[in-house]
């Protein structure tokens, strides 16, 4: 057991529903597997499950716990700052692929 730190500027959604709720209601929640630390107050870029940059969000809360099933989970609450323009999205998506997402595939 240990904490994985998420100190980069990437917030990748695994669920389209969680992302939809954030974009629709300006607030949302994301559930992650494992115990992670997301720094409250930090602004990050939100990505779709397909790794496309879509918005700037602010992390408002982060709770890491072991649930009733004995699973390590982290719940992250987010506030929408603003959606990205198409141009911003294209640039951020390309940069994130080079910096984060593309690395795992090239190993």
Protein backbone atom coordinates (compact mmCIF):
# COMPACT_ATOMS: atom_id res chain seq x y z
CA UNK A 1 0.00 0.00 0.00
CA UNK A 2 1.27 3.45 -0.84
CA UNK A 3 0.26 6.75 -2.31
CA UNK A 4 0.86 7.61 -5.94
CA UNK A 5 1.37 11.33 -6.42
CA UNK A 6 -0.39 13.16 -9.27
CA UNK A 7 1.66 16.37 -9.38
CA UNK A 8 1.57 16.83 -13.14
CA UNK A 9 -0.97 18.97 -14.94
CA UNK A 10 -3.04 16.09 -16.31
CA UNK A 11 -6.46 14.99 -15.09
CA UNK A 12 -7.59 12.08 -17.29
CA UNK A 13 -11.16 10.87 -17.03
CA UNK A 14 -11.79 7.14 -17.37
CA UNK A 15 -15.57 7.63 -17.56
CA UNK A 16 -17.42 9.68 -20.20
CA UNK A 17 -20.27 10.13 -17.68
CA UNK A 18 -18.00 11.79 -15.10
CA UNK A 19 -16.64 14.15 -17.77
CA UNK A 20 -20.15 14.94 -19.06
CA UNK A 21 -21.31 15.89 -15.55
CA UNK A 22 -18.33 18.22 -15.10
CA UNK A 23 -18.93 19.97 -18.43
CA UNK A 24 -22.72 20.14 -17.95
CA UNK A 25 -22.89 21.26 -14.30
CA UNK A 26 -19.51 23.06 -13.88
CA UNK A 27 -18.66 20.68 -11.03
CA UNK A 28 -17.92 17.01 -11.00
CA UNK A 29 -16.33 14.07 -9.30
CA UNK A 30 -13.85 11.54 -10.58
CA UNK A 31 -13.14 8.17 -8.99
CA UNK A 32 -9.65 6.69 -9.40
CA UNK A 33 -8.33 3.26 -8.46
CA UNK A 34 -5.53 3.23 -5.90
CA UNK A 35 -4.51 5.74 -3.27
CA UNK A 36 -3.40 8.95 -4.96
CA UNK A 37 -2.69 12.50 -3.90
CA UNK A 38 -4.19 15.25 -6.06
CA UNK A 39 -3.15 18.70 -4.75
CA UNK A 40 -6.23 20.69 -3.78
CA UNK A 41 -6.38 24.13 -5.36
CA UNK A 42 -4.26 23.18 -8.39
CA UNK A 43 -5.57 23.94 -11.87
CA UNK A 44 -5.08 21.13 -14.39
CA UNK A 45 -6.05 20.18 -17.92
CA UNK A 46 -8.88 17.64 -18.14
CA UNK A 47 -8.67 14.92 -20.79
CA UNK A 48 -11.27 12.57 -22.23
CA UNK A 49 -10.82 8.80 -21.99
CA UNK A 50 -9.47 9.08 -25.57
CA UNK A 51 -6.72 11.48 -24.37
CA UNK A 52 -8.18 14.67 -25.89
CA UNK A 53 -7.72 17.89 -23.89
CA UNK A 54 -11.12 19.49 -23.22
CA UNK A 55 -11.04 21.91 -20.28
CA UNK A 56 -9.19 23.64 -17.48
CA UNK A 57 -10.41 22.43 -14.09
CA UNK A 58 -9.55 23.14 -10.47
CA UNK A 59 -9.16 20.35 -7.93
CA UNK A 60 -11.39 21.28 -4.99
CA UNK A 61 -11.13 18.09 -2.89
CA UNK A 62 -9.28 14.79 -2.82
CA UNK A 63 -10.13 11.87 -0.51
CA UNK A 64 -8.11 8.65 -0.65
CA UNK A 65 -9.55 5.69 1.26
CA UNK A 66 -10.04 1.97 1.46
CA UNK A 67 -13.72 1.33 0.72
CA UNK A 68 -16.03 -1.31 2.22
CA UNK A 69 -14.89 -3.84 -0.40
CA UNK A 70 -11.28 -3.41 0.71
CA UNK A 71 -10.34 -1.55 -2.50
CA UNK A 72 -8.03 1.47 -2.48
CA UNK A 73 -9.85 4.36 -4.20
CA UNK A 74 -9.43 8.10 -4.52
CA UNK A 75 -12.32 10.47 -5.05
CA UNK A 76 -11.44 13.81 -6.66
CA UNK A 77 -13.87 16.73 -6.79
CA UNK A 78 -13.40 19.22 -9.62
CA UNK A 79 -14.67 22.66 -10.62
CA UNK A 80 -14.78 23.67 -14.28
CA UNK A 81 -12.76 26.82 -14.92
CA UNK A 82 -13.46 26.90 -18.68
CA UNK A 83 -13.58 24.65 -21.74
CA UNK A 84 -10.61 24.84 -24.11
CA UNK A 85 -10.92 26.31 -27.59
CA UNK A 86 -10.28 23.94 -30.51
CA UNK A 87 -6.82 25.42 -31.03
CA UNK A 88 -5.90 25.12 -27.32
CA UNK A 89 -7.23 21.58 -27.26
CA UNK A 90 -5.13 20.55 -30.26
CA UNK A 91 -1.94 21.98 -28.76
CA UNK A 92 -2.52 20.55 -25.27
CA UNK A 93 -3.48 17.15 -26.69
CA UNK A 94 -0.29 17.00 -28.76
CA UNK A 95 1.88 18.07 -25.83
CA UNK A 96 0.29 15.61 -23.42
CA UNK A 97 0.73 12.77 -25.88
CA UNK A 98 4.42 13.60 -26.14
CA UNK A 99 4.90 14.14 -22.39
CA UNK A 100 2.55 11.60 -20.77
CA UNK A 101 0.35 9.37 -22.89
CA UNK A 102 2.76 8.44 -25.69
CA UNK A 103 5.50 7.32 -23.32
CA UNK A 104 3.73 4.19 -22.13
CA UNK A 105 3.18 2.99 -25.69
CA UNK A 106 6.80 3.51 -26.80
CA UNK A 107 8.29 1.37 -24.01
